Amino acid sequence: MAHHGAITGPAPVSITELLQRFADHWMIAYEPTLSVWSAERRSTDGRHIRFLYGHSVAALGAKLADVETAAP
């Protein structure tokens, strides 16, 4: 059976890995009152915002890896 999706490496499992891999394009933050990690990316004109979140670094890293792989 052929694989039709993009193949990615493993998702980052530490905050250091997450920042090294995605901080150039995403603003990554932790919200302690909600216990949520988030990533935000804005278009250069500020009209488009992409926002992702996860309850762990690994969960957010997996979502970021999926989005970065799917981007044209």
C-alpha atoms as a PDB file:
ATOM      1  CA  MET A   1       0.000   0.000   0.000  1.00  0.00           C
ATOM      2  CA  ALA A   2       1.403   3.393  -0.976  1.00  0.00           C
ATOM      3  CA  HIS A   3       1.828   6.171   1.563  1.00  0.00           C
ATOM      4  CA  HIS A   4       0.161   9.345   0.292  1.00  0.00           C
ATOM      5  CA  GLY A   5       0.903  11.725   3.172  1.00  0.00           C
ATOM      6  CA  ALA A   6       4.138  13.482   3.961  1.00  0.00           C
ATOM      7  CA  ILE A   7       6.521  11.625   6.216  1.00  0.00           C
ATOM      8  CA  THR A   8       7.763  13.630   9.177  1.00  0.00           C
ATOM      9  CA  GLY A   9      10.271  13.063  11.914  1.00  0.00           C
ATOM     10  CA  PRO A  10       9.193  12.516  15.482  1.00  0.00           C
ATOM     11  CA  ALA A  11       7.481  15.404  17.246  1.00  0.00           C
ATOM     12  CA  PRO A  12       9.607  17.405  19.684  1.00  0.00           C
ATOM     13  CA  VAL A  13       9.335  16.123  23.239  1.00  0.00           C
ATOM     14  CA  SER A  14      11.120  18.919  25.111  1.00  0.00           C
ATOM     15  CA  ILE A  15      10.609  22.663  25.119  1.00  0.00           C
ATOM     16  CA  THR A  16      14.187  23.086  23.902  1.00  0.00           C
ATOM     17  CA  GLU A  17      13.511  20.881  20.863  1.00  0.00           C
ATOM     18  CA  LEU A  18      10.221  22.654  20.221  1.00  0.00           C
ATOM     19  CA  LEU A  19      11.842  26.092  20.272  1.00  0.00           C
ATOM     20  CA  GLN A  20      14.820  25.015  18.161  1.00  0.00           C
ATOM     21  CA  ARG A  21      12.538  23.579  15.517  1.00  0.00           C
ATOM     22  CA  PHE A  22       9.694  26.106  15.369  1.00  0.00           C
ATOM     23  CA  ALA A  23      10.536  29.409  17.115  1.00  0.00           C
ATOM     24  CA  ASP A  24      11.635  31.031  13.840  1.00  0.00           C
ATOM     25  CA  HIS A  25       8.038  30.969  12.532  1.00  0.00           C
ATOM     26  CA  TRP A  26       5.885  30.571  15.640  1.00  0.00           C
ATOM     27  CA  MET A  27       5.517  32.447  18.931  1.00  0.00           C
ATOM     28  CA  ILE A  28       5.415  29.681  21.542  1.00  0.00           C
ATOM     29  CA  ALA A  29       4.108  30.278  25.053  1.00  0.00           C
ATOM     30  CA  TYR A  30       2.837  28.468  28.140  1.00  0.00           C
ATOM     31  CA  GLU A  31      -0.321  29.626  29.913  1.00  0.00           C
ATOM     32  CA  PRO A  32      -0.051  28.309  33.490  1.00  0.00           C
ATOM     33  CA  THR A  33      -3.613  29.133  34.540  1.00  0.00           C
ATOM     34  CA  LEU A  34      -4.953  26.905  31.744  1.00  0.00           C
ATOM     35  CA  SER A  35      -2.027  24.440  31.692  1.00  0.00           C
ATOM     36  CA  VAL A  36      -1.807  24.888  27.921  1.00  0.00           C
ATOM     37  CA  TRP A  37       1.109  25.312  25.511  1.00  0.00           C
ATOM     38  CA  SER A  38       0.299  27.506  22.517  1.00  0.00           C
ATOM     39  CA  ALA A  39       1.833  28.531  19.226  1.00  0.00           C
ATOM     40  CA  GLU A  40       0.812  31.568  17.193  1.00  0.00           C
ATOM     41  CA  ARG A  41       1.838  32.668  13.722  1.00  0.00           C
ATOM     42  CA  ARG A  42       0.667  35.877  12.031  1.00  0.00           C
ATOM     43  CA  SER A  43       0.890  36.797   8.395  1.00  0.00           C
ATOM     44  CA  THR A  44       3.217  39.660   7.533  1.00  0.00           C
ATOM     45  CA  ASP A  45       0.240  41.980   6.991  1.00  0.00           C
ATOM     46  CA  GLY A  46      -1.362  40.891  10.290  1.00  0.00           C
ATOM     47  CA  ARG A  47      -4.623  39.860   8.657  1.00  0.00           C
ATOM     48  CA  HIS A  48      -4.244  36.124   9.232  1.00  0.00           C
ATOM     49  CA  ILE A  49      -3.526  34.410  12.529  1.00  0.00           C
ATOM     50  CA  ARG A  50      -2.885  30.711  13.009  1.00  0.00           C
ATOM     51  CA  PHE A  51      -3.183  29.442  16.564  1.00  0.00           C
ATOM     52  CA  LEU A  52      -2.479  25.940  17.859  1.00  0.00           C
ATOM     53  CA  TYR A  53      -2.482  24.570  21.378  1.00  0.00           C
ATOM     54  CA  GLY A  54      -1.688  21.399  23.275  1.00  0.00           C
ATOM     55  CA  HIS A  55      -1.776  20.263  26.873  1.00  0.00           C
ATOM     56  CA  SER A  56       1.853  19.125  26.634  1.00  0.00           C
ATOM     57  CA  VAL A  57       4.986  20.063  24.723  1.00  0.00           C
ATOM     58  CA  ALA A  58       4.749  16.774  22.815  1.00  0.00           C
ATOM     59  CA  ALA A  59       1.106  17.407  21.826  1.00  0.00           C
ATOM     60  CA  LEU A  60       1.873  20.918  20.564  1.00  0.00           C
ATOM     61  CA  GLY A  61       5.011  19.661  18.819  1.00  0.00           C
ATOM     62  CA  ALA A  62       3.027  17.003  16.964  1.00  0.00           C
ATOM     63  CA  LYS A  63       0.494  19.599  15.765  1.00  0.00           C
ATOM     64  CA  LEU A  64       3.245  21.980  14.656  1.00  0.00           C
ATOM     65  CA  ALA A  65       5.034  19.182  12.816  1.00  0.00           C
ATOM     66  CA  ASP A  66       1.797  18.301  10.991  1.00  0.00           C
ATOM     67  CA  VAL A  67       1.115  21.915  10.015  1.00  0.00           C
ATOM     68  CA  GLU A  68       4.681  22.557   8.855  1.00  0.00           C
ATOM     69  CA  THR A  69       4.640  19.387   6.753  1.00  0.00           C
ATOM     70  CA  ALA A  70       1.299  20.272   5.162  1.00  0.00           C
ATOM     71  CA  ALA A  71       2.323  23.862   4.345  1.00  0.00           C
ATOM     72  CA  PRO A  72       2.965  24.506   0.646  1.00  0.00           C
END
